[in-house]
């Protein structure tokens, strides 16, 4: 029996489906060769993405944030020394490459958005709520600084293996935002 879909990523395990029953058993055994096939399939786009990412990562935080169109109110120079803007969000997103389950990869993306919000609220006040116009360039900065080598591959893996009930709501918006950012490269 399946429970109704829920946007809360912590409750993803409550939904019983073929993916939640089979993927935990099969994916750990199949993941290395499957991931290699995905990398080979996405190699050309991932190489273009990586080349641009390396170029952008040569810039200082303030230069990169300015280039990406991040609102100056998010430049946290007085609190964060150069090279350490949104460090918890960057660390969190880097876990995408070490997580095997598509559901857990989505949880990493969700946690990254939460870390961005926490950092901004610590700087601008607990009542501050980011809109998408503010969030998009800040999240792009986090994606660039995360230096995920095969981000396109990670996105395709999530797309192909995620349950359809998750493709609505907050998680879908977050995933789509990451997908759009990856396609910008």
N, C-alpha and C. Protein backbone atom coordinates (compact mmCIF):
# COMPACT_ATOMS: atom_id res chain seq x y z
N UNK A 1 0.84 -1.17 0.00
CA UNK A 1 0.00 0.00 0.00
C UNK A 1 0.89 1.24 0.00
N UNK A 2 0.50 2.22 -0.76
CA UNK A 2 1.29 3.42 -0.89
C UNK A 2 0.61 4.58 -0.17
N UNK A 3 1.44 5.34 0.58
CA UNK A 3 0.94 6.53 1.23
C UNK A 3 0.92 7.66 0.22
N UNK A 4 0.11 8.70 0.46
CA UNK A 4 0.10 9.82 -0.48
C UNK A 4 1.46 10.49 -0.54
N UNK A 5 1.81 11.05 -1.70
CA UNK A 5 3.09 11.72 -1.84
C UNK A 5 3.22 12.88 -0.87
N UNK A 6 4.46 13.11 -0.47
CA UNK A 6 4.75 14.18 0.48
C UNK A 6 5.98 14.92 0.00
N UNK A 7 5.98 16.23 0.13
CA UNK A 7 7.13 17.02 -0.32
C UNK A 7 8.29 16.98 0.66
N UNK A 8 8.10 16.43 1.83
CA UNK A 8 9.14 16.41 2.85
C UNK A 8 10.14 15.31 2.51
N UNK A 9 11.40 15.67 2.22
CA UNK A 9 12.38 14.66 1.81
C UNK A 9 12.68 13.63 2.89
N UNK A 10 12.49 13.98 4.17
CA UNK A 10 12.74 13.02 5.23
C UNK A 10 11.69 11.91 5.22
N UNK A 11 10.56 12.14 4.58
CA UNK A 11 9.50 11.14 4.55
C UNK A 11 9.46 10.37 3.25
N UNK A 12 10.49 10.48 2.43
CA UNK A 12 10.52 9.75 1.17
C UNK A 12 10.50 8.24 1.39
N UNK A 13 11.10 7.75 2.48
CA UNK A 13 11.13 6.33 2.73
C UNK A 13 9.76 5.77 3.10
N UNK A 14 8.80 6.62 3.43
CA UNK A 14 7.48 6.17 3.82
C UNK A 14 6.67 5.67 2.63
N UNK A 15 7.06 6.02 1.42
CA UNK A 15 6.35 5.61 0.22
C UNK A 15 6.92 4.29 -0.26
N UNK A 16 6.06 3.31 -0.44
CA UNK A 16 6.48 2.00 -0.90
C UNK A 16 6.23 1.91 -2.40
N UNK A 17 7.30 1.64 -3.12
CA UNK A 17 7.21 1.49 -4.57
C UNK A 17 8.28 0.49 -5.01
N UNK A 18 8.28 0.20 -6.30
CA UNK A 18 9.31 -0.70 -6.83
C UNK A 18 10.70 -0.11 -6.59
N UNK A 19 10.83 1.19 -6.76
CA UNK A 19 12.13 1.83 -6.54
C UNK A 19 12.58 1.73 -5.09
N UNK A 20 11.68 1.97 -4.15
CA UNK A 20 12.08 1.93 -2.75
C UNK A 20 12.35 0.52 -2.27
N UNK A 21 11.78 -0.48 -2.94
CA UNK A 21 12.04 -1.86 -2.56
C UNK A 21 13.25 -2.45 -3.28
N UNK A 22 13.39 -2.17 -4.56
CA UNK A 22 14.44 -2.81 -5.36
C UNK A 22 15.76 -2.03 -5.40
N UNK A 23 15.70 -0.71 -5.49
CA UNK A 23 16.93 0.06 -5.61
C UNK A 23 17.90 -0.13 -4.45
N UNK A 24 17.43 -0.15 -3.20
CA UNK A 24 18.39 -0.36 -2.11
C UNK A 24 19.12 -1.71 -2.19
N UNK A 25 18.48 -2.70 -2.80
CA UNK A 25 19.09 -4.02 -2.92
C UNK A 25 19.98 -4.11 -4.17
N UNK A 26 19.48 -3.61 -5.29
CA UNK A 26 20.20 -3.77 -6.56
C UNK A 26 21.23 -2.68 -6.83
N UNK A 27 20.92 -1.44 -6.50
CA UNK A 27 21.78 -0.33 -6.89
C UNK A 27 23.20 -0.40 -6.32
N UNK A 28 23.40 -0.79 -5.06
CA UNK A 28 24.80 -0.87 -4.58
C UNK A 28 25.67 -1.82 -5.41
N UNK A 29 25.07 -2.88 -5.93
CA UNK A 29 25.83 -3.85 -6.72
C UNK A 29 26.04 -3.37 -8.16
N UNK A 30 25.04 -2.65 -8.67
CA UNK A 30 25.09 -2.22 -10.07
C UNK A 30 25.64 -0.82 -10.27
N UNK A 31 25.77 -0.06 -9.20
CA UNK A 31 26.09 1.36 -9.33
C UNK A 31 27.42 1.63 -10.05
N UNK A 32 28.53 0.99 -9.69
CA UNK A 32 29.80 1.33 -10.38
C UNK A 32 29.75 1.17 -11.90
N UNK A 33 29.31 0.02 -12.43
CA UNK A 33 29.28 -0.05 -13.91
C UNK A 33 28.18 0.83 -14.52
N UNK A 34 27.07 0.97 -13.82
CA UNK A 34 26.00 1.83 -14.31
C UNK A 34 26.45 3.29 -14.37
N UNK A 35 27.12 3.73 -13.33
CA UNK A 35 27.63 5.10 -13.29
C UNK A 35 28.65 5.33 -14.41
N UNK A 36 29.50 4.34 -14.67
CA UNK A 36 30.48 4.44 -15.75
C UNK A 36 29.78 4.60 -17.10
N UNK A 37 28.71 3.86 -17.31
CA UNK A 37 27.96 3.99 -18.56
C UNK A 37 27.34 5.38 -18.68
N UNK A 38 26.80 5.91 -17.59
CA UNK A 38 26.24 7.26 -17.59
C UNK A 38 27.32 8.30 -17.87
N UNK A 39 28.49 8.12 -17.28
CA UNK A 39 29.60 9.06 -17.51
C UNK A 39 29.99 9.04 -18.98
N UNK A 40 30.11 7.86 -19.57
CA UNK A 40 30.48 7.75 -20.98
C UNK A 40 29.42 8.38 -21.87
N UNK A 41 28.16 8.18 -21.53
CA UNK A 41 27.06 8.74 -22.31
C UNK A 41 27.03 10.27 -22.25
N UNK A 42 27.38 10.84 -21.11
CA UNK A 42 27.33 12.29 -20.90
C UNK A 42 28.69 12.96 -21.00
N UNK A 43 29.70 12.25 -21.47
CA UNK A 43 31.07 12.73 -21.43
C UNK A 43 31.27 14.07 -22.13
N UNK A 44 30.72 14.25 -23.31
CA UNK A 44 30.95 15.49 -24.07
C UNK A 44 30.40 16.69 -23.31
N UNK A 45 29.16 16.61 -22.81
CA UNK A 45 28.57 17.72 -22.07
C UNK A 45 29.27 17.93 -20.73
N UNK A 46 29.62 16.85 -20.05
CA UNK A 46 30.33 16.98 -18.78
C UNK A 46 31.71 17.62 -18.97
N UNK A 47 32.37 17.31 -20.09
CA UNK A 47 33.67 17.92 -20.37
C UNK A 47 33.55 19.42 -20.61
N UNK A 48 32.51 19.84 -21.35
CA UNK A 48 32.28 21.27 -21.57
C UNK A 48 31.97 21.97 -20.25
N UNK A 49 31.14 21.32 -19.44
CA UNK A 49 30.79 21.86 -18.12
C UNK A 49 32.05 22.00 -17.26
N UNK A 50 32.89 20.98 -17.24
CA UNK A 50 34.09 20.98 -16.40
C UNK A 50 35.08 22.06 -16.84
N UNK A 51 35.21 22.23 -18.15
CA UNK A 51 36.13 23.25 -18.67
C UNK A 51 35.69 24.65 -18.20
N UNK A 52 34.41 24.95 -18.34
CA UNK A 52 33.91 26.25 -17.90
C UNK A 52 34.00 26.39 -16.39
N UNK A 53 33.72 25.33 -15.68
CA UNK A 53 33.78 25.35 -14.21
C UNK A 53 35.18 25.68 -13.73
N UNK A 54 36.20 25.08 -14.34
CA UNK A 54 37.58 25.37 -13.95
C UNK A 54 37.93 26.83 -14.20
N UNK A 55 37.47 27.37 -15.31
CA UNK A 55 37.73 28.77 -15.63
C UNK A 55 37.07 29.67 -14.58
N UNK A 56 35.82 29.41 -14.25
CA UNK A 56 35.10 30.24 -13.28
C UNK A 56 35.69 30.12 -11.88
N UNK A 57 36.20 28.96 -11.53
CA UNK A 57 36.74 28.75 -10.19
C UNK A 57 38.09 29.44 -9.98
N UNK A 58 38.69 29.96 -11.02
CA UNK A 58 39.93 30.73 -10.87
C UNK A 58 39.66 32.12 -10.30
N UNK A 59 38.42 32.55 -10.35
CA UNK A 59 38.05 33.88 -9.85
C UNK A 59 37.90 33.87 -8.34
N UNK A 60 38.09 35.05 -7.74
CA UNK A 60 37.82 35.19 -6.31
C UNK A 60 36.31 35.08 -6.08
N UNK A 61 35.93 34.88 -4.82
CA UNK A 61 34.51 34.79 -4.50
C UNK A 61 33.75 36.03 -4.95
N UNK A 62 34.28 37.21 -4.60
CA UNK A 62 33.55 38.43 -4.93
C UNK A 62 33.48 38.64 -6.44
N UNK A 63 34.54 38.33 -7.17
CA UNK A 63 34.52 38.46 -8.63
C UNK A 63 33.53 37.48 -9.25
N UNK A 64 33.53 36.24 -8.77
CA UNK A 64 32.60 35.24 -9.29
C UNK A 64 31.16 35.60 -8.96
N UNK A 65 30.91 36.03 -7.73
CA UNK A 65 29.55 36.41 -7.34
C UNK A 65 29.06 37.59 -8.17
N UNK A 66 29.93 38.54 -8.42
CA UNK A 66 29.57 39.68 -9.26
C UNK A 66 29.28 39.22 -10.69
N UNK A 67 30.12 38.34 -11.23
CA UNK A 67 29.95 37.81 -12.58
C UNK A 67 28.62 37.05 -12.71
N UNK A 68 28.26 36.29 -11.68
CA UNK A 68 27.04 35.48 -11.72
C UNK A 68 25.78 36.29 -11.41
N UNK A 69 25.95 37.53 -11.02
CA UNK A 69 24.80 38.38 -10.76
C UNK A 69 24.22 38.22 -9.36
N UNK A 70 25.04 37.78 -8.42
CA UNK A 70 24.59 37.65 -7.03
C UNK A 70 24.43 39.06 -6.46
N UNK A 71 23.30 39.31 -5.83
CA UNK A 71 23.03 40.60 -5.20
C UNK A 71 24.10 40.88 -4.15
N UNK A 72 24.67 42.10 -4.14
CA UNK A 72 25.74 42.43 -3.19
C UNK A 72 25.37 42.22 -1.72
N UNK A 73 24.10 42.20 -1.38
CA UNK A 73 23.73 41.96 0.02
C UNK A 73 24.11 40.56 0.49
N UNK A 74 24.39 39.66 -0.46
CA UNK A 74 24.80 38.31 -0.09
C UNK A 74 26.31 38.14 -0.03
N UNK A 75 27.05 39.19 -0.34
CA UNK A 75 28.51 39.15 -0.19
C UNK A 75 28.77 39.29 1.30
N UNK A 76 29.27 38.27 1.88
CA UNK A 76 29.39 38.22 3.33
C UNK A 76 30.85 38.46 3.73
N UNK A 77 31.47 39.46 3.14
CA UNK A 77 32.89 39.73 3.36
C UNK A 77 33.23 39.98 4.82
N UNK A 78 32.37 40.71 5.53
CA UNK A 78 32.71 41.02 6.92
C UNK A 78 32.67 39.80 7.83
N UNK A 79 31.94 38.76 7.42
CA UNK A 79 31.89 37.54 8.24
C UNK A 79 32.78 36.45 7.62
N UNK A 80 32.72 36.32 6.31
CA UNK A 80 33.43 35.24 5.64
C UNK A 80 34.67 35.77 4.94
N UNK A 81 35.83 35.26 5.28
CA UNK A 81 37.02 35.66 4.53
C UNK A 81 36.92 35.19 3.08
N UNK A 82 37.70 35.80 2.22
CA UNK A 82 37.67 35.44 0.80
C UNK A 82 37.86 33.93 0.63
N UNK A 83 37.03 33.34 -0.22
CA UNK A 83 37.13 31.91 -0.49
C UNK A 83 36.29 31.04 0.42
N UNK A 84 35.43 31.66 1.23
CA UNK A 84 34.64 30.81 2.12
C UNK A 84 33.18 31.26 2.20
N UNK A 85 32.63 31.72 1.11
CA UNK A 85 31.22 32.04 1.08
C UNK A 85 30.41 30.75 0.95
N UNK A 86 29.39 30.63 1.76
CA UNK A 86 28.48 29.48 1.75
C UNK A 86 29.21 28.14 1.85
N UNK A 87 30.18 28.00 2.77
CA UNK A 87 30.97 26.76 2.83
C UNK A 87 30.15 25.53 3.19
N UNK A 88 29.15 25.66 4.05
CA UNK A 88 28.36 24.47 4.42
C UNK A 88 27.50 24.01 3.25
N UNK A 89 27.00 24.96 2.46
CA UNK A 89 26.22 24.58 1.29
C UNK A 89 27.10 23.91 0.24
N UNK A 90 28.31 24.42 0.05
CA UNK A 90 29.26 23.82 -0.89
C UNK A 90 29.60 22.41 -0.46
N UNK A 91 29.95 22.24 0.82
CA UNK A 91 30.27 20.90 1.35
C UNK A 91 29.09 19.95 1.18
N UNK A 92 27.91 20.45 1.44
CA UNK A 92 26.72 19.62 1.35
C UNK A 92 26.50 19.14 -0.09
N UNK A 93 26.58 20.05 -1.06
CA UNK A 93 26.34 19.67 -2.46
C UNK A 93 27.40 18.70 -2.96
N UNK A 94 28.61 18.79 -2.43
CA UNK A 94 29.67 17.86 -2.85
C UNK A 94 29.33 16.41 -2.50
N UNK A 95 28.44 16.21 -1.55
CA UNK A 95 28.02 14.86 -1.17
C UNK A 95 27.20 14.18 -2.26
N UNK A 96 26.76 14.94 -3.26
CA UNK A 96 25.99 14.39 -4.36
C UNK A 96 26.76 13.27 -5.06
N UNK A 97 28.07 13.44 -5.17
CA UNK A 97 28.91 12.46 -5.87
C UNK A 97 29.17 11.20 -5.06
N UNK A 98 28.97 11.27 -3.76
CA UNK A 98 29.26 10.10 -2.92
C UNK A 98 27.99 9.41 -2.43
N UNK A 99 26.86 9.86 -2.92
CA UNK A 99 25.57 9.26 -2.56
C UNK A 99 25.08 8.44 -3.74
N UNK A 100 24.58 7.25 -3.49
CA UNK A 100 24.21 6.36 -4.59
C UNK A 100 22.72 6.34 -4.88
N UNK A 101 21.89 6.50 -3.91
CA UNK A 101 20.45 6.43 -4.09
C UNK A 101 19.91 7.73 -4.68
N UNK A 102 19.06 7.64 -5.70
CA UNK A 102 18.47 8.85 -6.27
C UNK A 102 17.69 9.66 -5.23
N UNK A 103 16.98 8.99 -4.35
CA UNK A 103 16.25 9.69 -3.29
C UNK A 103 17.18 10.43 -2.35
N UNK A 104 18.30 9.81 -2.02
CA UNK A 104 19.27 10.46 -1.13
C UNK A 104 19.99 11.60 -1.86
N UNK A 105 20.19 11.46 -3.16
CA UNK A 105 20.77 12.56 -3.93
C UNK A 105 19.82 13.77 -3.88
N UNK A 106 18.52 13.52 -3.98
CA UNK A 106 17.55 14.62 -3.86
C UNK A 106 17.59 15.23 -2.46
N UNK A 107 17.79 14.41 -1.45
CA UNK A 107 17.90 14.93 -0.09
C UNK A 107 19.14 15.83 0.03
N UNK A 108 20.22 15.48 -0.63
CA UNK A 108 21.43 16.31 -0.62
C UNK A 108 21.13 17.67 -1.26
N UNK A 109 20.41 17.66 -2.37
CA UNK A 109 20.04 18.92 -3.03
C UNK A 109 19.17 19.76 -2.10
N UNK A 110 18.20 19.13 -1.46
CA UNK A 110 17.32 19.83 -0.52
C UNK A 110 18.12 20.41 0.64
N UNK A 111 19.02 19.63 1.19
CA UNK A 111 19.85 20.09 2.30
C UNK A 111 20.73 21.26 1.88
N UNK A 112 21.20 21.25 0.64
CA UNK A 112 22.03 22.35 0.13
C UNK A 112 21.23 23.64 0.10
N UNK A 113 20.00 23.58 -0.38
CA UNK A 113 19.14 24.76 -0.39
C UNK A 113 18.91 25.26 1.04
N UNK A 114 18.73 24.33 1.98
CA UNK A 114 18.54 24.73 3.38
C UNK A 114 19.79 25.42 3.92
N UNK A 115 20.96 24.92 3.57
CA UNK A 115 22.21 25.53 4.04
C UNK A 115 22.39 26.94 3.46
N UNK A 116 22.01 27.13 2.21
CA UNK A 116 22.07 28.47 1.62
C UNK A 116 21.16 29.41 2.42
N UNK A 117 19.95 28.95 2.69
CA UNK A 117 18.99 29.77 3.45
C UNK A 117 19.51 30.09 4.84
N UNK A 118 20.09 29.10 5.51
CA UNK A 118 20.65 29.33 6.85
C UNK A 118 21.76 30.37 6.83
N UNK A 119 22.65 30.27 5.85
CA UNK A 119 23.75 31.23 5.75
C UNK A 119 23.22 32.64 5.52
N UNK A 120 22.27 32.77 4.62
CA UNK A 120 21.70 34.08 4.32
C UNK A 120 20.98 34.63 5.54
N UNK A 121 20.20 33.80 6.23
CA UNK A 121 19.47 34.26 7.40
C UNK A 121 20.41 34.61 8.54
N UNK A 122 21.53 33.93 8.65
CA UNK A 122 22.51 34.29 9.67
C UNK A 122 23.10 35.67 9.39
N UNK A 123 23.19 36.01 8.13
CA UNK A 123 23.77 37.30 7.72
C UNK A 123 22.73 38.43 7.69
N UNK A 124 21.53 38.13 7.18
CA UNK A 124 20.51 39.16 6.97
C UNK A 124 19.35 39.13 7.97
N UNK A 125 19.35 38.16 8.85
CA UNK A 125 18.28 38.07 9.85
C UNK A 125 17.40 36.85 9.62
N UNK A 126 16.90 36.31 10.71
CA UNK A 126 16.11 35.08 10.65
C UNK A 126 14.80 35.25 9.89
N UNK A 127 14.32 36.46 9.77
CA UNK A 127 13.05 36.70 9.07
C UNK A 127 13.21 36.81 7.56
N UNK A 128 14.46 36.89 7.09
CA UNK A 128 14.68 37.08 5.66
C UNK A 128 14.35 35.80 4.90
N UNK A 129 13.54 35.93 3.85
CA UNK A 129 13.18 34.81 2.99
C UNK A 129 13.65 35.15 1.58
N UNK A 130 14.41 34.25 0.99
CA UNK A 130 14.94 34.48 -0.36
C UNK A 130 13.87 34.18 -1.40
N UNK A 131 13.80 35.02 -2.42
CA UNK A 131 12.95 34.70 -3.57
C UNK A 131 13.83 34.04 -4.63
N UNK A 132 13.22 33.52 -5.67
CA UNK A 132 13.98 32.79 -6.68
C UNK A 132 14.96 33.69 -7.41
N UNK A 133 14.63 34.98 -7.57
CA UNK A 133 15.56 35.90 -8.23
C UNK A 133 16.86 36.04 -7.44
N UNK A 134 16.77 35.96 -6.11
CA UNK A 134 17.96 36.01 -5.27
C UNK A 134 18.63 34.65 -5.15
N UNK A 135 17.81 33.61 -5.04
CA UNK A 135 18.33 32.27 -4.79
C UNK A 135 19.08 31.70 -5.99
N UNK A 136 18.59 31.93 -7.18
CA UNK A 136 19.17 31.32 -8.37
C UNK A 136 20.66 31.63 -8.53
N UNK A 137 21.08 32.92 -8.51
CA UNK A 137 22.52 33.18 -8.66
C UNK A 137 23.36 32.71 -7.47
N UNK A 138 22.79 32.75 -6.27
CA UNK A 138 23.53 32.26 -5.10
C UNK A 138 23.74 30.75 -5.22
N UNK A 139 22.69 30.04 -5.64
CA UNK A 139 22.81 28.59 -5.81
C UNK A 139 23.78 28.26 -6.94
N UNK A 140 23.78 29.07 -7.99
CA UNK A 140 24.75 28.88 -9.07
C UNK A 140 26.17 29.02 -8.54
N UNK A 141 26.39 30.01 -7.67
CA UNK A 141 27.70 30.18 -7.04
C UNK A 141 28.09 28.92 -6.26
N UNK A 142 27.15 28.36 -5.50
CA UNK A 142 27.41 27.15 -4.72
C UNK A 142 27.74 25.98 -5.65
N UNK A 143 27.01 25.85 -6.75
CA UNK A 143 27.27 24.78 -7.71
C UNK A 143 28.68 24.92 -8.30
N UNK A 144 29.06 26.13 -8.66
CA UNK A 144 30.40 26.35 -9.23
C UNK A 144 31.47 26.00 -8.21
N UNK A 145 31.33 26.48 -6.99
CA UNK A 145 32.34 26.23 -5.96
C UNK A 145 32.35 24.77 -5.49
N UNK A 146 31.28 24.03 -5.75
CA UNK A 146 31.25 22.61 -5.35
C UNK A 146 32.13 21.74 -6.23
N UNK A 147 32.38 22.19 -7.44
CA UNK A 147 33.28 21.49 -8.37
C UNK A 147 32.92 20.00 -8.53
N UNK A 148 31.67 19.72 -8.83
CA UNK A 148 31.24 18.34 -9.06
C UNK A 148 31.59 17.97 -10.50
N UNK A 149 32.49 17.04 -10.65
CA UNK A 149 33.08 16.71 -11.96
C UNK A 149 32.04 16.26 -12.98
N UNK A 150 31.11 15.42 -12.60
CA UNK A 150 30.13 14.86 -13.54
C UNK A 150 28.71 15.23 -13.11
N UNK A 151 28.45 16.52 -12.99
CA UNK A 151 27.13 16.97 -12.54
C UNK A 151 26.02 16.54 -13.50
N UNK A 152 26.27 16.62 -14.79
CA UNK A 152 25.26 16.19 -15.77
C UNK A 152 24.92 14.72 -15.62
N UNK A 153 25.92 13.91 -15.36
CA UNK A 153 25.70 12.48 -15.12
C UNK A 153 24.85 12.27 -13.88
N UNK A 154 25.17 12.99 -12.81
CA UNK A 154 24.40 12.88 -11.57
C UNK A 154 22.94 13.24 -11.81
N UNK A 155 22.71 14.30 -12.56
CA UNK A 155 21.34 14.74 -12.85
C UNK A 155 20.59 13.70 -13.67
N UNK A 156 21.24 13.14 -14.68
CA UNK A 156 20.58 12.11 -15.50
C UNK A 156 20.27 10.86 -14.69
N UNK A 157 21.16 10.48 -13.81
CA UNK A 157 20.90 9.33 -12.95
C UNK A 157 19.67 9.56 -12.07
N UNK A 158 19.58 10.74 -11.48
CA UNK A 158 18.42 11.05 -10.64
C UNK A 158 17.16 11.02 -11.48
N UNK A 159 17.20 11.67 -12.63
CA UNK A 159 16.03 11.73 -13.52
C UNK A 159 15.52 10.34 -13.90
N UNK A 160 16.44 9.46 -14.21
CA UNK A 160 16.05 8.13 -14.70
C UNK A 160 15.55 7.20 -13.59
N UNK A 161 15.96 7.42 -12.34
CA UNK A 161 15.63 6.46 -11.30
C UNK A 161 14.72 6.99 -10.20
N UNK A 162 14.33 8.24 -10.26
CA UNK A 162 13.53 8.78 -9.17
C UNK A 162 12.06 8.40 -9.37
N UNK A 163 11.38 8.18 -8.26
CA UNK A 163 9.95 7.88 -8.30
C UNK A 163 9.18 9.07 -8.84
N UNK A 164 8.13 8.78 -9.57
CA UNK A 164 7.31 9.84 -10.18
C UNK A 164 6.60 10.70 -9.14
N UNK A 165 6.28 10.15 -7.98
CA UNK A 165 5.57 10.93 -6.97
C UNK A 165 6.42 12.08 -6.42
N UNK A 166 7.73 11.99 -6.59
CA UNK A 166 8.63 13.03 -6.09
C UNK A 166 8.72 14.19 -7.09
N UNK A 167 8.24 13.98 -8.30
CA UNK A 167 8.40 14.98 -9.34
C UNK A 167 7.36 16.10 -9.26
N UNK A 168 6.86 16.35 -8.08
CA UNK A 168 5.97 17.48 -7.83
C UNK A 168 6.39 18.12 -6.52
N UNK A 169 6.17 19.40 -6.41
CA UNK A 169 6.43 20.07 -5.15
C UNK A 169 7.81 20.66 -5.03
N UNK A 170 8.20 20.88 -3.79
CA UNK A 170 9.43 21.58 -3.47
C UNK A 170 10.68 20.86 -3.99
N UNK A 171 10.75 19.55 -3.81
CA UNK A 171 11.92 18.81 -4.29
C UNK A 171 12.09 18.92 -5.80
N UNK A 172 10.99 18.89 -6.52
CA UNK A 172 11.06 19.00 -7.96
C UNK A 172 11.56 20.37 -8.38
N UNK A 173 11.13 21.43 -7.69
CA UNK A 173 11.61 22.77 -7.99
C UNK A 173 13.11 22.86 -7.74
N UNK A 174 13.58 22.29 -6.65
CA UNK A 174 15.01 22.32 -6.33
C UNK A 174 15.81 21.53 -7.37
N UNK A 175 15.32 20.35 -7.71
CA UNK A 175 16.01 19.53 -8.70
C UNK A 175 16.03 20.22 -10.07
N UNK A 176 14.90 20.79 -10.46
CA UNK A 176 14.82 21.48 -11.74
C UNK A 176 15.77 22.68 -11.77
N UNK A 177 15.90 23.37 -10.65
CA UNK A 177 16.84 24.49 -10.56
C UNK A 177 18.26 24.01 -10.81
N UNK A 178 18.65 22.90 -10.19
CA UNK A 178 19.98 22.35 -10.41
C UNK A 178 20.15 21.91 -11.86
N UNK A 179 19.12 21.32 -12.41
CA UNK A 179 19.16 20.86 -13.81
C UNK A 179 19.35 22.04 -14.76
N UNK A 180 18.64 23.13 -14.52
CA UNK A 180 18.76 24.32 -15.35
C UNK A 180 20.17 24.91 -15.22
N UNK A 181 20.68 24.96 -14.00
CA UNK A 181 22.02 25.50 -13.80
C UNK A 181 23.07 24.69 -14.55
N UNK A 182 22.91 23.38 -14.53
CA UNK A 182 23.87 22.53 -15.22
C UNK A 182 23.79 22.76 -16.74
N UNK A 183 22.60 23.01 -17.24
CA UNK A 183 22.45 23.22 -18.68
C UNK A 183 22.99 24.58 -19.13
N UNK A 184 23.20 25.50 -18.19
CA UNK A 184 23.76 26.81 -18.54
C UNK A 184 25.21 26.73 -18.95
N UNK A 185 25.88 25.68 -18.56
CA UNK A 185 27.29 25.55 -18.85
C UNK A 185 27.47 25.13 -20.28
